[in-house]
Every structure is written in structure tokens, then in C-alpha cells.
Amino acid sequence: MKQITWLMISSALLLLMGSCQEKVKIFKIPEGHVGMFGYGSLMSKTLIDKGLLDKAYDGPFLPAHLKGYKRSWTFAWPTDLPLYNVDSTFTKDYILIEGDTVYPKYLRYLNIREDLNTVINGVLYIVPAADLPNYDAWELGYERFEVTDLIQRYSIEGGPVFAYKALPDFELEPNSDFTQSIVELSYWEIIEDAFGYWGKDFEAEYKRTTEPFDPAILHDTQKILLTDPAMEKVEELKAGFKY
């Protein structure tokens, strides 16, 4: 009798566990496209529509999770390199502190680094292969790499999913010294735009899974347009992307 009762309980538990598991959804990538996982500025549909593509994106745009990586403000772009803008111009950034012009050494952006025990939230969508150069130009200093098997609760079909992580030369731990590095207010507003689109729960999860930066380094920047920028390093970075 005890054995029968135990078998009945075990069967009930297995049924309960099976019903609690989330169904895996199929994410189909059409021919001539790739998947993209955005965890920073690429979570913003406004940036994608009006900045990178100059047209409305009408494909799948879904909340998703990436396992095995931790998000932090550890990408550092040297301000002595020309900075790419979505209008295809190049600029150098500076800030004004009590009327004085300050050129920080680095601009800080979000990055992901391997951490087997961490899962971060973000956005999953598709990108025509022909549009990849626009994304790669925006992500200069990063490496585009495949994360297909690290996307949770989706079965990916038809192509790879990519994300971006900092190249070793552009990784640097942040500090609170604004003469060394800053987070641009305009970049942070792109992140906030994504929060507005995805809602409070998405924002709260982002904050739980992201190493914060010191608010002292958040600054509005001014830009000097570079009419003849030194493009050697920029061209070297662009050549690193494969098509």
C-alpha cells in the first residue's frame, strides 16, 4: 500500500513539474536575416527605427534572456578616437564643469562579460544581413559574436543570433572620476527610452542584473565635429567585422 501511495504521489509531482515548466517558443529567422540580442542601446526601438535604420522596424521584437553573461558599464571608448554618430559624422565629446571645458579620457557604455551563474534580460529581434554594417558602425570597439544557444526559452530556427561585447582593448573598470570617464546623458536616455517601451518590470530586472555606475559620472556632453578625423583605428575596427 505504501508503495502504491508513493507511486501516485511521484506521478502527481511529475505532472505538476511538467505543467509549471514554460513552453519553449519558436523564433524563426527568415533567409537573409540574423537574430540580434540587445541588452543596452539596442533594446530601444526608437534608436533602431530612427537612428540605425531610418525606417520603422516591423519584425518580431520580444523580451528575452541571455544566460552566462553579466552586464556592466565596462566598455570604454577613448575620446581621442573619432566617435561615430548615426548621421555618419564623427565627433569628439567634452563636458562643461563650472564653465571649464573638460575632455574625459573615456566614454562609458554597457558591456557584457562571461559569468556562468548570471542571466540578463534584453530584447530579441531580427536584422536583415544588409543592415549589419549599420549596427557594426554603431558598435565600433565591440565584437559581434554568436549567442544562439544562450537565448533562454526560445528555440532558434533559420539562422544565428548575435550580440556585442567589448574587444579587450576597450574594456576598463569604471570609477567615479569624471575626468577619466563619463556616461553620456544622451546614451542613458536611450536606455530610459527602452524602459518606457518595455515597462517597469523589465526596468527592475535590468537594474537587478546590471552593475551600476556612479551617478557622478553621468554628464550632458558637447560635441566638436571632426571634419578631418584620424580614421586609421576606426577603419581597422570596421575591418574586424565579418559579413
Protein backbone atom coordinates (compact mmCIF):
# COMPACT_ATOMS: atom_id res chain seq x y z
CA MET A 1 0.00 0.00 0.00
CA LYS A 2 2.83 2.39 0.85
CA GLN A 3 4.49 1.64 -2.49
CA ILE A 4 1.27 2.39 -4.43
CA THR A 5 0.78 5.63 -2.50
CA TRP A 6 4.37 6.69 -3.20
CA LEU A 7 3.95 5.97 -6.92
CA MET A 8 0.76 8.04 -7.00
CA ILE A 9 2.49 10.96 -5.25
CA SER A 10 5.52 10.71 -7.56
CA SER A 11 3.30 10.75 -10.65
CA ALA A 12 1.40 13.76 -9.35
CA LEU A 13 4.65 15.63 -8.69
CA LEU A 14 5.94 14.88 -12.18
CA LEU A 15 2.70 16.15 -13.73
CA LEU A 16 2.87 19.29 -11.59
CA MET A 17 6.50 19.94 -12.50
CA GLY A 18 5.73 19.47 -16.19
CA SER A 19 2.81 21.89 -16.05
CA CYS A 20 4.97 24.52 -14.31
CA GLN A 21 7.65 24.46 -17.00
CA GLU A 22 7.41 27.23 -19.56
CA LYS A 23 6.84 26.10 -23.11
CA VAL A 24 9.73 26.80 -25.45
CA LYS A 25 8.70 29.24 -28.19
CA ILE A 26 10.00 29.00 -31.74
CA PHE A 27 11.87 32.07 -33.01
CA LYS A 28 12.11 31.84 -36.79
CA ILE A 29 14.82 33.82 -38.59
CA PRO A 30 13.99 34.37 -42.27
CA GLU A 31 16.51 33.75 -45.03
CA GLY A 32 18.86 36.70 -45.48
CA HIS A 33 18.44 37.77 -41.83
CA VAL A 34 20.15 37.17 -38.50
CA GLY A 35 18.87 37.37 -34.96
CA MET A 36 20.03 40.10 -32.58
CA PHE A 37 20.03 40.19 -28.78
CA GLY A 38 20.13 43.76 -27.49
CA TYR A 39 20.99 44.43 -23.86
CA GLY A 40 21.84 48.16 -23.91
CA SER A 41 21.09 50.80 -26.51
CA LEU A 42 19.89 48.07 -28.88
CA MET A 43 16.91 47.50 -26.56
CA SER A 44 15.47 50.82 -27.80
CA LYS A 45 13.05 50.52 -30.71
CA THR A 46 13.29 54.28 -31.19
CA LEU A 47 17.04 54.02 -31.82
CA ILE A 48 16.54 51.14 -34.25
CA ASP A 49 13.71 52.89 -36.13
CA LYS A 50 15.05 56.43 -36.31
CA GLY A 51 18.76 56.02 -35.80
CA LEU A 52 20.18 52.84 -37.23
CA LEU A 53 17.64 52.09 -39.95
CA ASP A 54 15.84 55.36 -40.71
CA LYS A 55 12.67 53.31 -41.20
CA ALA A 56 10.13 51.58 -38.98
CA TYR A 57 11.12 48.11 -37.80
CA ASP A 58 8.05 45.88 -38.06
CA GLY A 59 9.52 42.45 -37.32
CA PRO A 60 9.38 40.44 -34.08
CA PHE A 61 10.60 42.45 -31.09
CA LEU A 62 10.47 40.29 -27.99
CA PRO A 63 11.71 40.34 -24.40
CA ALA A 64 14.31 37.63 -23.92
CA HIS A 65 17.05 36.39 -21.61
CA LEU A 66 20.71 35.59 -22.18
CA LYS A 67 22.45 33.14 -19.87
CA GLY A 68 26.10 33.03 -18.99
CA TYR A 69 26.83 36.78 -19.21
CA LYS A 70 26.82 39.68 -16.78
CA ARG A 71 26.03 43.29 -17.78
CA SER A 72 28.18 46.20 -16.62
CA TRP A 73 29.47 49.64 -17.63
CA THR A 74 32.88 48.30 -18.61
CA PHE A 75 33.11 49.43 -22.24
CA ALA A 76 35.40 52.47 -22.53
CA TRP A 77 35.73 54.41 -25.78
CA PRO A 78 38.85 56.65 -25.81
CA THR A 79 37.82 60.23 -26.59
CA ASP A 80 40.91 60.72 -28.75
CA LEU A 81 39.28 58.39 -31.29
CA PRO A 82 36.59 59.78 -33.62
CA LEU A 83 33.17 58.81 -32.28
CA TYR A 84 30.62 57.51 -34.79
CA ASN A 85 27.18 59.16 -34.89
CA VAL A 86 24.04 57.78 -36.51
CA ASP A 87 24.15 60.58 -39.10
CA SER A 88 27.51 59.15 -40.28
CA THR A 89 29.53 62.07 -38.88
CA PHE A 90 32.41 61.81 -36.42
CA THR A 91 32.81 63.93 -33.31
CA LYS A 92 34.85 64.37 -30.15
CA ASP A 93 33.00 64.82 -26.86
CA TYR A 94 33.66 67.10 -23.93
CA ILE A 95 31.79 68.34 -20.86
CA LEU A 96 31.48 71.73 -19.20
CA ILE A 97 32.20 71.88 -15.46
CA GLU A 98 31.51 75.30 -13.95
CA GLY A 99 32.27 76.87 -17.32
CA ASP A 100 35.51 74.96 -17.82
CA THR A 101 35.95 72.55 -20.73
CA VAL A 102 36.89 69.04 -19.65
CA TYR A 103 37.83 66.24 -22.04
CA PRO A 104 37.33 62.93 -20.21
CA LYS A 105 39.63 60.15 -21.34
CA TYR A 106 36.80 57.68 -21.96
CA LEU A 107 33.10 57.44 -22.70
CA ARG A 108 31.37 54.60 -20.85
CA TYR A 109 28.86 52.21 -22.43
CA LEU A 110 27.22 48.96 -21.45
CA ASN A 111 29.05 45.69 -21.97
CA ILE A 112 28.60 42.01 -21.18
CA ARG A 113 31.22 39.66 -19.78
CA GLU A 114 31.09 35.92 -19.18
CA ASP A 115 29.57 34.82 -15.88
CA LEU A 116 28.18 31.28 -15.84
CA ASN A 117 25.87 31.99 -12.90
CA THR A 118 24.13 35.04 -14.39
CA VAL A 119 21.13 35.60 -16.66
CA ILE A 120 20.32 39.06 -18.06
CA ASN A 121 17.23 40.40 -19.74
CA GLY A 122 17.17 42.09 -23.11
CA VAL A 123 15.45 42.10 -26.48
CA LEU A 124 15.38 39.55 -29.30
CA TYR A 125 14.66 40.58 -32.88
CA ILE A 126 15.80 40.09 -36.47
CA VAL A 127 18.13 42.15 -38.65
CA PRO A 128 18.49 41.94 -42.45
CA ALA A 129 22.06 40.91 -43.22
CA ALA A 130 22.31 44.01 -45.42
CA ASP A 131 21.76 46.22 -42.32
CA LEU A 132 24.55 44.67 -40.26
CA PRO A 133 27.10 47.35 -41.28
CA ASN A 134 24.85 49.98 -39.65
CA TYR A 135 24.80 48.02 -36.40
CA ASP A 136 28.53 47.31 -36.54
CA ALA A 137 29.31 51.01 -37.10
CA TRP A 138 27.24 51.88 -34.03
CA GLU A 139 29.07 49.19 -32.06
CA LEU A 140 32.67 50.08 -33.00
CA GLY A 141 35.02 48.75 -30.36
CA TYR A 142 32.78 45.74 -29.80
CA GLU A 143 32.95 42.24 -31.18
CA ARG A 144 29.80 40.75 -32.73
CA PHE A 145 29.60 37.13 -31.59
CA GLU A 146 27.08 34.31 -31.71
CA VAL A 147 24.81 33.63 -28.71
CA THR A 148 22.21 31.37 -30.37
CA ASP A 149 22.48 28.58 -27.79
CA LEU A 150 22.45 31.02 -24.85
CA ILE A 151 18.99 32.51 -25.51
CA GLN A 152 16.58 31.09 -22.95
CA ARG A 153 13.04 29.79 -23.59
CA TYR A 154 13.30 30.15 -27.36
CA SER A 155 14.11 27.54 -29.98
CA ILE A 156 16.03 29.42 -32.67
CA GLU A 157 15.45 28.31 -36.26
CA GLY A 158 16.82 29.57 -39.56
CA GLY A 159 19.97 31.40 -38.54
CA PRO A 160 22.29 32.62 -35.78
CA VAL A 161 21.60 35.16 -33.04
CA PHE A 162 24.32 37.73 -32.35
CA ALA A 163 25.20 40.08 -29.52
CA TYR A 164 28.07 42.53 -29.00
CA LYS A 165 30.77 42.51 -26.32
CA ALA A 166 33.77 44.78 -25.83
CA LEU A 167 37.03 44.00 -27.53
CA PRO A 168 39.81 43.57 -24.94
CA ASP A 169 41.37 46.97 -25.75
CA PHE A 170 38.09 48.69 -24.86
CA GLU A 171 37.40 47.01 -21.53
CA LEU A 172 38.04 49.06 -18.39
CA GLU A 173 36.61 49.02 -14.89
CA PRO A 174 34.64 52.20 -14.11
CA ASN A 175 35.33 54.68 -11.32
CA SER A 176 33.79 57.92 -10.07
CA ASP A 177 36.31 60.34 -11.64
CA PHE A 178 34.57 62.30 -14.42
CA THR A 179 37.94 63.46 -15.79
CA GLN A 180 38.71 59.81 -16.50
CA SER A 181 35.37 58.58 -17.84
CA ILE A 182 31.75 59.60 -18.17
CA VAL A 183 28.39 58.14 -19.17
CA GLU A 184 26.77 60.40 -21.74
CA LEU A 185 23.33 61.63 -20.77
CA SER A 186 22.18 61.06 -24.36
CA TYR A 187 23.18 57.38 -24.13
CA TRP A 188 21.43 56.94 -20.80
CA GLU A 189 18.28 58.48 -22.31
CA ILE A 190 18.33 55.75 -24.96
CA ILE A 191 18.32 53.17 -22.15
CA GLU A 192 15.47 55.01 -20.44
CA ASP A 193 13.55 55.05 -23.73
CA ALA A 194 13.80 51.25 -23.75
CA PHE A 195 12.47 51.15 -20.18
CA GLY A 196 9.50 53.25 -21.27
CA TYR A 197 8.75 50.82 -24.08
CA TRP A 198 9.14 47.62 -22.05
CA GLY A 199 7.71 48.73 -18.70
CA LYS A 200 8.57 48.80 -15.03
CA ASP A 201 9.11 45.05 -14.55
CA PHE A 202 11.63 44.99 -17.40
CA GLU A 203 13.41 48.02 -15.93
CA ALA A 204 13.51 46.45 -12.46
CA GLU A 205 15.03 43.26 -13.87
CA TYR A 206 17.61 45.27 -15.79
CA LYS A 207 18.65 47.02 -12.56
CA ARG A 208 18.88 43.72 -10.67
CA THR A 209 21.18 42.23 -13.31
CA THR A 210 23.44 45.21 -14.05
CA GLU A 211 26.42 46.58 -12.17
CA PRO A 212 25.54 50.27 -11.66
CA PHE A 213 27.71 53.30 -12.38
CA ASP A 214 28.38 56.20 -10.03
CA PRO A 215 25.87 59.00 -10.83
CA ALA A 216 28.77 61.46 -10.53
CA ILE A 217 29.98 60.38 -13.99
CA LEU A 218 26.62 60.97 -15.77
CA HIS A 219 27.02 64.15 -17.81
CA ASP A 220 25.50 66.02 -20.71
CA THR A 221 28.14 66.22 -23.42
CA GLN A 222 29.05 68.77 -26.03
CA LYS A 223 30.39 67.67 -29.40
CA ILE A 224 33.10 69.01 -31.67
CA LEU A 225 32.51 67.99 -35.26
CA LEU A 226 35.64 66.46 -36.75
CA THR A 227 35.95 67.50 -40.39
CA ASP A 228 39.12 65.50 -40.99
CA PRO A 229 39.14 62.74 -38.35
CA ALA A 230 42.04 60.34 -37.96
CA MET A 231 40.30 57.26 -39.29
CA GLU A 232 43.05 54.63 -39.22
CA LYS A 233 41.92 52.95 -35.99
CA VAL A 234 38.25 53.31 -36.93
CA GLU A 235 38.86 51.59 -40.27
CA GLU A 236 40.81 48.86 -38.50
CA LEU A 237 37.86 48.23 -36.16
CA LYS A 238 35.37 48.20 -39.03
CA ALA A 239 37.51 45.66 -40.90
CA GLY A 240 37.21 43.28 -37.95
CA PHE A 241 33.53 42.58 -38.66
CA LYS A 242 32.74 39.65 -40.94
CA TYR A 243 29.92 39.59 -43.49
